[in-house]
C-alpha atoms as a PDB file:
ATOM      1  CA  MET A   1     -22.658  64.515 -29.044  1.00  0.00           C
ATOM      2  CA  ILE A   2     -20.456  62.014 -27.366  1.00  0.00           C
ATOM      3  CA  THR A   3     -16.671  62.691 -27.466  1.00  0.00           C
ATOM      4  CA  TYR A   4     -13.583  61.203 -25.895  1.00  0.00           C
ATOM      5  CA  PRO A   5     -10.517  62.989 -24.478  1.00  0.00           C
ATOM      6  CA  LEU A   6      -8.163  63.607 -27.350  1.00  0.00           C
ATOM      7  CA  ASN A   7      -4.891  63.402 -25.490  1.00  0.00           C
ATOM      8  CA  ASN A   8      -5.789  60.012 -24.023  1.00  0.00           C
ATOM      9  CA  THR A   9      -6.800  58.804 -27.432  1.00  0.00           C
ATOM     10  CA  ILE A  10      -3.617  59.908 -29.129  1.00  0.00           C
ATOM     11  CA  SER A  11      -1.451  58.310 -26.423  1.00  0.00           C
ATOM     12  CA  SER A  12      -3.298  55.069 -26.568  1.00  0.00           C
ATOM     13  CA  LEU A  13      -2.898  54.949 -30.343  1.00  0.00           C
ATOM     14  CA  ARG A  14       0.834  55.725 -29.961  1.00  0.00           C
ATOM     15  CA  ASN A  15       1.266  52.963 -27.484  1.00  0.00           C
ATOM     16  CA  ALA A  16      -0.623  50.418 -29.700  1.00  0.00           C
ATOM     17  CA  TYR A  17       1.682  51.355 -32.572  1.00  0.00           C
ATOM     18  CA  ARG A  18       4.796  50.912 -30.406  1.00  0.00           C
ATOM     19  CA  GLU A  19       3.659  47.600 -29.049  1.00  0.00           C
ATOM     20  CA  LYS A  20       2.327  45.912 -32.235  1.00  0.00           C
ATOM     21  CA  GLN A  21       4.166  47.931 -34.946  1.00  0.00           C
ATOM     22  CA  SER A  22       0.899  48.085 -36.883  1.00  0.00           C
ATOM     23  CA  PRO A  23       0.894  51.105 -39.205  1.00  0.00           C
ATOM     24  CA  ILE A  24      -2.875  51.619 -38.964  1.00  0.00           C
ATOM     25  CA  TRP A  25      -2.531  53.037 -35.447  1.00  0.00           C
ATOM     26  CA  LYS A  26       0.150  55.535 -36.550  1.00  0.00           C
ATOM     27  CA  SER A  27      -1.985  56.636 -39.492  1.00  0.00           C
ATOM     28  CA  ILE A  28      -5.055  57.205 -37.301  1.00  0.00           C
ATOM     29  CA  GLU A  29      -2.875  59.027 -34.664  1.00  0.00           C
ATOM     30  CA  LYS A  30      -1.762  61.476 -37.392  1.00  0.00           C
ATOM     31  CA  LYS A  31      -5.414  62.020 -38.552  1.00  0.00           C
ATOM     32  CA  PHE A  32      -6.409  62.780 -34.962  1.00  0.00           C
ATOM     33  CA  LYS A  33      -3.670  65.386 -34.708  1.00  0.00           C
ATOM     34  CA  ARG A  34      -5.178  67.441 -37.471  1.00  0.00           C
ATOM     35  CA  THR A  35      -6.713  70.763 -36.723  1.00  0.00           C
ATOM     36  CA  ARG A  36     -10.392  70.795 -35.878  1.00  0.00           C
ATOM     37  CA  SER A  37     -11.302  72.373 -39.239  1.00  0.00           C
ATOM     38  CA  ARG A  38      -9.548  69.500 -41.133  1.00  0.00           C
ATOM     39  CA  GLN A  39     -11.092  66.641 -39.151  1.00  0.00           C
ATOM     40  CA  SER A  40     -13.493  64.382 -40.958  1.00  0.00           C
ATOM     41  CA  GLU A  41     -17.239  64.462 -40.682  1.00  0.00           C
ATOM     42  CA  VAL A  42     -19.000  61.362 -41.996  1.00  0.00           C
ATOM     43  CA  ASN A  43     -22.707  60.787 -42.260  1.00  0.00           C
ATOM     44  CA  ILE A  44     -24.500  57.445 -41.589  1.00  0.00           C
ATOM     45  CA  GLY A  45     -25.687  57.475 -45.189  1.00  0.00           C
ATOM     46  CA  LYS A  46     -22.112  57.467 -46.428  1.00  0.00           C
ATOM     47  CA  LEU A  47     -21.211  54.605 -44.071  1.00  0.00           C
ATOM     48  CA  ASP A  48     -24.138  52.644 -45.427  1.00  0.00           C
ATOM     49  CA  ASN A  49     -22.867  53.156 -49.001  1.00  0.00           C
ATOM     50  CA  ILE A  50     -19.211  52.191 -48.464  1.00  0.00           C
ATOM     51  CA  THR A  51     -19.423  49.544 -45.821  1.00  0.00           C
ATOM     52  CA  LYS A  52     -20.891  46.061 -45.796  1.00  0.00           C
ATOM     53  CA  GLU A  53     -22.315  43.765 -43.170  1.00  0.00           C
ATOM     54  CA  GLY A  54     -19.961  43.205 -40.205  1.00  0.00           C
ATOM     55  CA  ASP A  55     -17.255  45.777 -41.196  1.00  0.00           C
ATOM     56  CA  VAL A  56     -15.207  47.263 -38.430  1.00  0.00           C
ATOM     57  CA  VAL A  57     -14.752  50.976 -39.072  1.00  0.00           C
ATOM     58  CA  ILE A  58     -12.924  53.831 -37.359  1.00  0.00           C
ATOM     59  CA  VAL A  59     -13.676  57.442 -38.253  1.00  0.00           C
ATOM     60  CA  PRO A  60     -10.944  59.945 -37.142  1.00  0.00           C
ATOM     61  CA  GLY A  61     -13.532  62.624 -36.679  1.00  0.00           C
ATOM     62  CA  LYS A  62     -17.276  63.036 -36.216  1.00  0.00           C
ATOM     63  CA  VAL A  63     -20.095  60.687 -37.239  1.00  0.00           C
ATOM     64  CA  LEU A  64     -23.346  62.498 -37.993  1.00  0.00           C
ATOM     65  CA  GLY A  65     -26.874  61.104 -38.218  1.00  0.00           C
ATOM     66  CA  SER A  66     -27.966  62.022 -41.688  1.00  0.00           C
ATOM     67  CA  GLY A  67     -29.117  59.071 -43.722  1.00  0.00           C
ATOM     68  CA  MET A  68     -29.987  55.453 -42.898  1.00  0.00           C
ATOM     69  CA  LEU A  69     -27.918  52.356 -42.085  1.00  0.00           C
ATOM     70  CA  GLN A  70     -29.224  49.118 -43.513  1.00  0.00           C
ATOM     71  CA  HIS A  71     -26.669  46.664 -42.046  1.00  0.00           C
ATOM     72  CA  LYS A  72     -24.708  46.209 -38.816  1.00  0.00           C
ATOM     73  CA  ILE A  73     -21.201  47.500 -38.354  1.00  0.00           C
ATOM     74  CA  ILE A  74     -18.826  48.035 -35.468  1.00  0.00           C
ATOM     75  CA  LEU A  75     -17.904  51.678 -35.295  1.00  0.00           C
ATOM     76  CA  SER A  76     -15.413  53.644 -33.399  1.00  0.00           C
ATOM     77  CA  ALA A  77     -14.969  57.491 -33.776  1.00  0.00           C
ATOM     78  CA  PHE A  78     -13.715  60.542 -31.938  1.00  0.00           C
ATOM     79  CA  ALA A  79     -17.308  61.969 -31.762  1.00  0.00           C
ATOM     80  CA  ILE A  80     -20.633  60.445 -32.553  1.00  0.00           C
ATOM     81  CA  SER A  81     -23.960  62.278 -32.570  1.00  0.00           C
ATOM     82  CA  VAL A  82     -26.793  60.800 -30.543  1.00  0.00           C
ATOM     83  CA  PRO A  83     -28.968  60.179 -33.737  1.00  0.00           C
ATOM     84  CA  ALA A  84     -26.106  58.456 -35.468  1.00  0.00           C
ATOM     85  CA  MET A  85     -25.464  56.236 -32.441  1.00  0.00           C
ATOM     86  CA  LYS A  86     -29.216  55.357 -32.289  1.00  0.00           C
ATOM     87  CA  LYS A  87     -29.228  54.324 -35.944  1.00  0.00           C
ATOM     88  CA  ILE A  88     -26.211  52.206 -35.655  1.00  0.00           C
ATOM     89  CA  VAL A  89     -27.613  50.371 -32.645  1.00  0.00           C
ATOM     90  CA  ASP A  90     -31.013  50.046 -34.267  1.00  0.00           C
ATOM     91  CA  SER A  91     -29.425  48.418 -37.350  1.00  0.00           C
ATOM     92  CA  GLY A  92     -27.834  45.702 -34.938  1.00  0.00           C
ATOM     93  CA  GLY A  93     -24.407  47.365 -34.948  1.00  0.00           C
ATOM     94  CA  LYS A  94     -22.163  48.368 -32.110  1.00  0.00           C
ATOM     95  CA  VAL A  95     -20.408  51.581 -31.082  1.00  0.00           C
ATOM     96  CA  ILE A  96     -17.095  51.053 -29.197  1.00  0.00           C
ATOM     97  CA  THR A  97     -14.388  53.451 -27.908  1.00  0.00           C
ATOM     98  CA  ILE A  98     -11.145  53.712 -29.602  1.00  0.00           C
ATOM     99  CA  ASN A  99      -9.472  52.092 -26.648  1.00  0.00           C
ATOM    100  CA  GLU A 100     -11.794  49.094 -26.967  1.00  0.00           C
ATOM    101  CA  LEU A 101     -11.068  48.955 -30.704  1.00  0.00           C
ATOM    102  CA  VAL A 102      -7.285  48.856 -30.056  1.00  0.00           C
ATOM    103  CA  GLU A 103      -7.805  46.058 -27.459  1.00  0.00           C
ATOM    104  CA  GLN A 104     -10.112  43.942 -29.711  1.00  0.00           C
ATOM    105  CA  TYR A 105      -8.005  44.488 -32.862  1.00  0.00           C
ATOM    106  CA  PRO A 106      -4.426  45.064 -31.616  1.00  0.00           C
ATOM    107  CA  ASP A 107      -2.842  44.377 -35.048  1.00  0.00           C
ATOM    108  CA  GLY A 108      -5.433  46.455 -36.884  1.00  0.00           C
ATOM    109  CA  LYS A 109      -6.306  43.725 -39.379  1.00  0.00           C
ATOM    110  CA  GLY A 110      -9.857  44.103 -40.652  1.00  0.00           C
ATOM    111  CA  VAL A 111     -10.191  47.701 -39.438  1.00  0.00           C
ATOM    112  CA  ARG A 112     -11.140  50.245 -42.113  1.00  0.00           C
ATOM    113  CA  ILE A 113     -10.432  53.968 -41.852  1.00  0.00           C
ATOM    114  CA  ILE A 114     -13.131  56.142 -43.274  1.00  0.00           C
ATOM    115  CA  GLY A 115     -12.806  59.876 -43.523  1.00  0.00           C
END
């Protein structure tokens, strides 16, 4: 399982919200502050069903490897299992950190929150 430091993630989301006034970063920050038992767990199969080719997705929780992904997406999440990462890369997609997502999409346009 690959995870990122939560405090750094929350502070970078807070800074992005302050700089760009984009409500998506504030919403994601609130979701990351949830207790561990209330954080989202999303399987690759669910991502395949609700996304389409080229979507940019953030999951404020864990991405697990159950299911198949038939198209490429750009994914960012707090934690990603190794099988899930392999399936995303094998489908032609990309996994990026939350900081990279904020840098590439500073206004949050086109980014979908799932979970």
